[in-house]
Amino acid sequence: MAETTGVLLMAYGTPASLADVEAYYTHIRRGRPPTPELLLELVDRYRASGGSSPLLAITRAQARGLEQLLNRGEDGAFCVELGMKHAQPFIEEGVRSLADAGIDRAVGLVLAPHYSALSVGEYIERVRAAAADCGGPEFRFIEQWHLAPGYVGLLADRVRRALESFPAADERDGVTVVFSAHSLPLRIIETGDPYPAQLEETAAAVAELAAVENWSVAWQSAGRTPEPWLGPDVRDVMRELAAAGGTGVVICPAGFVSDHLEVLYDLDVECRRLGDALGLPFARTASPNANPEFLQVLALLVSASLETNLA
């Protein structure tokens, strides 16, 4: 039997319940507990989004589906483990599971299509440190996949469907598609970080494929820190569209591949509420989640990574 290849599928993480929110928030804040006010605000956001985030369940489904796809040709050829940045199972646990299974080579894939040293780069650093502690596996990483044809095609299809929710053709003419991703500190621009440009590239590719003329890029879910973050904020863009007489907005969170708090609250609650207040009809593209088309995108990324690195 051929050697088993490991895959570490990584995501941001989420608290398993409301009781775990404080520990989760403390981990995000690098060990500094949040103030009671900040903690209550975050708990209230989870409550407003249904009481918990489906991120872990979705990521588990993505991992199972990816493993099944990769093993179609030869059962047992691939072993897929999860690694979360800020919650169990942590990245280090996923690396340890692969090492304990005797796997010597593995692919690291973060469920975020755009590369930044402050996001994907940090995942990679933790994987390398954990692998060094475990004595393996040897990892190769898929650092960005923002222009993967399957992903661009999937987003384009979802943009078209969201636009169809505006029934009148003349109304659709005034609708703007806003492509969003998680904001990061503005200082990344000084280092030449490719993150902002990659979101622009994704947006342009999707808009061209979906034949969308009115589109823009915006940022969302900025952190609560004193330093400036990437902008414009998606809510400010919505205000500008309403002031300019726009007939609607479709937000395509191109930087996110699963339903979680930044989608279910920041967009579905906050932005929808703002749209109602502005008289600006709002729609949001459906997340890829564990859709078979998206799992095929991930499988192709893993396969291509192995072919490239073994050539």
Protein backbone atom coordinates (compact mmCIF):
# COMPACT_ATOMS: atom_id res chain seq x y z
CA MET A 1 0.00 0.00 0.00
CA ALA A 2 1.23 3.49 -0.85
CA GLU A 3 2.29 5.91 1.85
CA THR A 4 -0.57 7.82 3.47
CA THR A 5 -0.48 11.57 2.91
CA GLY A 6 -1.78 13.81 5.66
CA VAL A 7 -3.83 16.95 5.20
CA LEU A 8 -4.22 19.50 7.97
CA LEU A 9 -7.35 21.55 7.27
CA MET A 10 -7.25 24.75 9.31
CA ALA A 11 -9.83 27.33 10.36
CA TYR A 12 -10.13 30.15 12.87
CA GLY A 13 -12.07 28.26 15.52
CA THR A 14 -15.17 28.98 17.55
CA PRO A 15 -16.40 28.44 21.12
CA ALA A 16 -18.31 25.18 21.51
CA SER A 17 -20.93 26.89 23.70
CA LEU A 18 -21.65 30.23 25.32
CA ALA A 19 -19.80 28.99 28.42
CA ASP A 20 -16.64 28.73 26.32
CA VAL A 21 -16.77 32.26 24.89
CA GLU A 22 -14.53 33.79 27.58
CA ALA A 23 -11.75 31.22 27.10
CA TYR A 24 -12.01 31.62 23.34
CA TYR A 25 -11.89 35.41 23.52
CA THR A 26 -8.94 35.25 25.93
CA HIS A 27 -7.03 33.04 23.49
CA ILE A 28 -7.69 35.50 20.63
CA ARG A 29 -6.37 38.27 22.90
CA ARG A 30 -3.15 36.27 23.48
CA GLY A 31 -3.98 35.42 27.09
CA ARG A 32 -5.51 38.75 28.12
CA PRO A 33 -9.07 38.22 29.42
CA PRO A 34 -11.67 40.56 27.89
CA THR A 35 -13.38 43.18 29.98
CA PRO A 36 -16.88 42.23 31.21
CA GLU A 37 -18.33 44.68 28.67
CA LEU A 38 -16.48 43.15 25.72
CA LEU A 39 -17.35 39.64 26.85
CA LEU A 40 -21.05 40.46 27.18
CA GLU A 41 -21.05 42.09 23.75
CA LEU A 42 -19.57 38.97 22.14
CA VAL A 43 -21.94 36.65 24.00
CA ASP A 44 -24.87 38.76 22.84
CA ARG A 45 -23.67 38.44 19.24
CA TYR A 46 -23.66 34.67 19.51
CA ARG A 47 -27.14 34.76 21.05
CA ALA A 48 -28.39 36.94 18.20
CA SER A 49 -26.94 34.43 15.72
CA GLY A 50 -28.72 31.42 17.17
CA GLY A 51 -26.76 30.83 20.37
CA SER A 52 -23.63 29.32 18.86
CA SER A 53 -21.56 29.23 15.69
CA PRO A 54 -21.85 26.34 13.24
CA LEU A 55 -18.20 26.77 12.20
CA LEU A 56 -16.82 23.64 13.90
CA ALA A 57 -19.58 21.40 12.56
CA ILE A 58 -19.15 22.83 9.06
CA THR A 59 -15.36 22.45 9.17
CA ARG A 60 -15.71 18.85 10.34
CA ALA A 61 -18.05 18.20 7.40
CA GLN A 62 -15.54 19.84 5.05
CA ALA A 63 -12.78 17.61 6.40
CA ARG A 64 -14.85 14.42 6.05
CA GLY A 65 -15.94 15.34 2.54
CA LEU A 66 -12.41 16.25 1.49
CA GLU A 67 -11.01 12.99 2.80
CA GLN A 68 -13.66 11.00 0.93
CA LEU A 69 -12.88 12.81 -2.32
CA LEU A 70 -9.13 12.36 -1.97
CA ASN A 71 -9.52 8.67 -1.19
CA ARG A 72 -11.72 7.84 -4.18
CA GLY A 73 -8.80 6.41 -6.14
CA GLU A 74 -7.21 4.54 -3.25
CA ASP A 75 -8.81 4.10 0.16
CA GLY A 76 -6.48 5.21 2.93
CA ALA A 77 -4.23 7.27 0.66
CA PHE A 78 -5.12 10.44 2.58
CA CYS A 79 -5.83 11.26 6.21
CA VAL A 80 -7.44 14.65 6.90
CA GLU A 81 -7.22 16.23 10.36
CA LEU A 82 -8.52 19.54 11.69
CA GLY A 83 -6.53 22.31 13.32
CA MET A 84 -8.16 25.43 14.74
CA LYS A 85 -6.31 28.64 15.51
CA HIS A 86 -8.20 29.67 18.64
CA ALA A 87 -10.25 26.67 19.82
CA GLN A 88 -10.15 22.90 20.06
CA PRO A 89 -9.01 20.95 18.19
CA PHE A 90 -6.05 23.32 18.07
CA ILE A 91 -3.54 23.34 15.23
CA GLU A 92 -1.03 21.60 17.47
CA GLU A 93 -3.51 18.79 18.19
CA GLY A 94 -4.05 18.22 14.49
CA VAL A 95 -0.31 18.03 13.83
CA ARG A 96 0.09 15.60 16.74
CA SER A 97 -2.70 13.38 15.39
CA LEU A 98 -0.96 13.14 12.02
CA ALA A 99 2.39 12.42 13.67
CA ASP A 100 0.88 9.75 15.94
CA ALA A 101 -0.60 8.09 12.84
CA GLY A 102 2.92 7.68 11.48
CA ILE A 103 2.40 10.12 8.62
CA ASP A 104 5.64 11.51 7.20
CA ARG A 105 4.35 14.03 4.66
CA ALA A 106 1.38 16.36 4.85
CA VAL A 107 -0.27 19.33 3.18
CA GLY A 108 -1.36 22.35 5.19
CA LEU A 109 -4.45 24.15 3.89
CA VAL A 110 -6.03 27.14 5.63
CA LEU A 111 -9.70 27.69 4.84
CA ALA A 112 -9.00 31.28 3.84
CA PRO A 113 -8.27 31.98 0.16
CA HIS A 114 -6.23 35.17 0.59
CA TYR A 115 -2.72 35.23 2.05
CA SER A 116 -1.53 37.59 4.75
CA ALA A 117 1.43 37.19 7.06
CA LEU A 118 -0.96 38.10 9.89
CA SER A 119 -3.47 35.39 9.02
CA VAL A 120 -2.34 32.42 6.93
CA GLY A 121 1.28 33.16 7.82
CA GLU A 122 0.56 32.68 11.52
CA TYR A 123 -1.14 29.33 10.89
CA ILE A 124 1.92 28.15 8.98
CA GLU A 125 4.30 29.24 11.75
CA ARG A 126 2.33 27.27 14.34
CA VAL A 127 2.23 24.16 12.15
CA ARG A 128 5.99 24.28 11.62
CA ALA A 129 6.64 24.70 15.34
CA ALA A 130 4.29 21.85 16.24
CA ALA A 131 5.78 19.57 13.59
CA ALA A 132 9.27 20.30 14.93
CA ASP A 133 8.11 19.36 18.43
CA CYS A 134 6.53 16.13 17.14
CA GLY A 135 9.39 15.17 14.85
CA GLY A 136 7.16 15.43 11.77
CA PRO A 137 5.33 15.28 9.45
CA GLU A 138 7.11 17.25 6.76
CA PHE A 139 4.62 19.88 5.57
CA ARG A 140 4.08 21.70 2.31
CA PHE A 141 1.59 24.56 2.37
CA ILE A 142 -1.05 25.97 0.06
CA GLU A 143 -0.55 29.62 0.93
CA GLN A 144 -3.22 31.22 -1.27
CA TRP A 145 -5.93 30.10 -3.64
CA HIS A 146 -7.89 33.27 -4.25
CA LEU A 147 -7.97 32.73 -8.02
CA ALA A 148 -8.62 28.98 -8.04
CA PRO A 149 -10.98 28.58 -11.02
CA GLY A 150 -13.44 26.42 -9.12
CA TYR A 151 -13.66 28.93 -6.29
CA VAL A 152 -14.12 31.89 -8.63
CA GLY A 153 -16.80 29.97 -10.52
CA LEU A 154 -18.60 29.01 -7.32
CA LEU A 155 -18.68 32.62 -6.11
CA ALA A 156 -19.85 33.86 -9.51
CA ASP A 157 -22.75 31.43 -9.42
CA ARG A 158 -23.73 32.61 -5.95
CA VAL A 159 -23.51 36.26 -6.99
CA ARG A 160 -25.86 35.59 -9.92
CA ARG A 161 -28.32 33.84 -7.62
CA ALA A 162 -28.23 36.66 -5.08
CA LEU A 163 -28.89 39.22 -7.81
CA GLU A 164 -31.91 37.19 -8.91
CA SER A 165 -33.46 37.84 -5.49
CA PHE A 166 -34.10 41.37 -6.77
CA PRO A 167 -37.08 40.54 -9.02
CA ALA A 168 -37.30 43.63 -11.20
CA ALA A 169 -34.69 43.98 -13.95
CA ASP A 170 -34.55 47.76 -13.59
CA GLU A 171 -34.02 47.34 -9.85
CA ARG A 172 -31.08 44.99 -10.45
CA ASP A 173 -29.44 47.66 -12.61
CA GLY A 174 -28.94 49.78 -9.49
CA VAL A 175 -27.66 46.94 -7.29
CA THR A 176 -23.98 46.92 -6.35
CA VAL A 177 -22.08 43.76 -5.43
CA VAL A 178 -19.66 44.36 -2.56
CA PHE A 179 -16.91 41.77 -2.10
CA SER A 180 -15.72 41.62 1.49
CA ALA A 181 -13.08 39.97 3.64
CA HIS A 182 -11.97 40.26 7.25
CA SER A 183 -10.18 43.53 7.86
CA LEU A 184 -6.59 43.47 9.13
CA PRO A 185 -4.41 46.20 10.66
CA LEU A 186 -3.51 48.84 8.08
CA ARG A 187 0.21 48.36 8.82
CA ILE A 188 0.28 45.27 6.58
CA ILE A 189 0.38 47.61 3.57
CA GLU A 190 3.75 48.98 4.69
CA THR A 191 5.26 45.49 4.47
CA GLY A 192 3.92 44.80 0.98
CA ASP A 193 1.49 42.18 2.24
CA PRO A 194 -0.53 40.82 -0.74
CA TYR A 195 -3.81 40.49 1.18
CA PRO A 196 -5.62 43.65 -0.08
CA ALA A 197 -4.54 43.12 -3.69
CA GLN A 198 -5.62 39.48 -3.62
CA LEU A 199 -9.15 40.43 -2.54
CA GLU A 200 -9.28 42.90 -5.44
CA GLU A 201 -8.14 40.14 -7.80
CA THR A 202 -10.82 37.75 -6.56
CA ALA A 203 -13.49 40.44 -6.87
CA ALA A 204 -12.45 41.37 -10.40
CA ALA A 205 -12.38 37.72 -11.53
CA VAL A 206 -15.78 36.92 -10.03
CA ALA A 207 -17.38 40.12 -11.35
CA GLU A 208 -16.11 39.39 -14.86
CA LEU A 209 -17.38 35.81 -14.80
CA ALA A 210 -20.75 36.83 -13.38
CA ALA A 211 -21.04 39.76 -15.84
CA VAL A 212 -21.37 42.25 -12.97
CA GLU A 213 -20.60 45.89 -13.79
CA ASN A 214 -21.36 47.56 -10.46
CA TRP A 215 -19.03 46.18 -7.81
CA SER A 216 -16.59 47.27 -5.16
CA VAL A 217 -14.39 45.89 -2.39
CA ALA A 218 -14.87 46.55 1.32
CA TRP A 219 -13.70 45.22 4.67
CA GLN A 220 -15.58 43.94 7.67
CA SER A 221 -15.27 42.72 11.26
CA ALA A 222 -12.30 44.94 12.18
CA GLY A 223 -10.75 44.27 15.57
CA ARG A 224 -11.18 46.43 18.64
CA THR A 225 -7.68 47.88 18.80
CA PRO A 226 -6.39 51.48 18.78
CA GLU A 227 -4.50 51.08 15.48
CA PRO A 228 -6.20 51.75 12.14
CA TRP A 229 -7.56 48.80 10.11
CA LEU A 230 -8.12 48.29 6.41
CA GLY A 231 -11.11 50.17 5.00
CA PRO A 232 -13.60 51.15 3.82
CA ASP A 233 -15.84 49.28 6.19
CA VAL A 234 -18.70 47.49 4.44
CA ARG A 235 -21.27 49.47 6.44
CA ASP A 236 -19.81 52.77 5.27
CA VAL A 237 -20.00 51.53 1.68
CA MET A 238 -23.67 50.68 2.22
CA ARG A 239 -24.32 54.22 3.48
CA GLU A 240 -22.61 55.67 0.42
CA LEU A 241 -24.65 53.46 -1.92
CA ALA A 242 -27.90 54.50 -0.26
CA ALA A 243 -26.94 58.19 -0.45
CA ALA A 244 -26.17 57.79 -4.16
CA GLY A 245 -29.61 56.33 -4.86
CA GLY A 246 -28.61 52.67 -5.14
CA THR A 247 -31.49 50.19 -5.37
CA GLY A 248 -29.79 47.42 -3.42
CA VAL A 249 -26.61 45.73 -2.29
CA VAL A 250 -25.34 42.17 -2.53
CA ILE A 251 -22.51 41.35 -0.17
CA CYS A 252 -20.25 38.51 -1.24
CA PRO A 253 -17.98 37.63 1.71
CA ALA A 254 -15.27 36.27 -0.58
CA GLY A 255 -12.77 35.98 2.26
CA PHE A 256 -14.94 33.52 4.20
CA VAL A 257 -15.87 29.98 3.18
CA SER A 258 -18.15 28.98 6.07
CA ASP A 259 -21.07 30.40 7.99
CA HIS A 260 -19.84 31.74 11.33
CA LEU A 261 -20.15 34.85 13.49
CA GLU A 262 -18.59 37.27 11.01
CA VAL A 263 -21.15 36.19 8.42
CA LEU A 264 -24.18 35.31 10.52
CA TYR A 265 -24.00 38.38 12.75
CA ASP A 266 -21.82 41.04 11.11
CA LEU A 267 -23.58 40.62 7.77
CA ASP A 268 -26.90 38.85 8.31
CA VAL A 269 -27.82 40.85 11.42
CA GLU A 270 -25.87 44.11 11.44
CA CYS A 271 -25.71 44.84 7.72
CA ARG A 272 -29.25 43.66 7.07
CA ARG A 273 -30.47 45.89 9.89
CA LEU A 274 -28.52 48.81 8.42
CA GLY A 275 -29.98 48.11 4.99
CA ASP A 276 -33.49 48.28 6.45
CA ALA A 277 -32.69 51.59 8.16
CA LEU A 278 -31.26 53.02 4.93
CA GLY A 279 -34.05 51.70 2.72
CA LEU A 280 -31.37 49.74 0.83
CA PRO A 281 -32.46 46.17 0.00
CA PHE A 282 -29.83 43.69 1.16
CA ALA A 283 -28.80 40.23 0.01
CA ARG A 284 -25.85 38.03 0.91
CA THR A 285 -24.31 35.28 -1.19
CA ALA A 286 -24.56 31.76 0.25
CA SER A 287 -21.41 30.43 1.90
CA PRO A 288 -19.60 27.48 0.28
CA ASN A 289 -19.69 25.46 3.54
CA ALA A 290 -19.49 21.73 2.73
CA ASN A 291 -21.02 22.05 -0.73
CA PRO A 292 -19.67 19.26 -3.01
CA GLU A 293 -18.49 21.84 -5.56
CA PHE A 294 -16.40 23.53 -2.89
CA LEU A 295 -14.99 20.25 -1.60
CA GLN A 296 -13.88 19.51 -5.15
CA VAL A 297 -12.03 22.85 -5.18
CA LEU A 298 -10.18 21.84 -2.01
CA ALA A 299 -9.37 18.38 -3.36
CA LEU A 300 -7.91 19.87 -6.53
CA LEU A 301 -5.79 22.27 -4.49
CA VAL A 302 -4.33 19.42 -2.44
CA SER A 303 -3.68 17.26 -5.50
CA ALA A 304 -2.05 20.12 -7.41
CA SER A 305 0.14 20.95 -4.41
CA LEU A 306 1.48 17.41 -4.30
CA GLU A 307 2.10 17.29 -8.03
CA THR A 308 3.96 20.60 -7.96
CA ASN A 309 6.09 19.73 -4.98
CA LEU A 310 6.93 16.25 -6.23
CA ALA A 311 7.77 17.31 -9.80
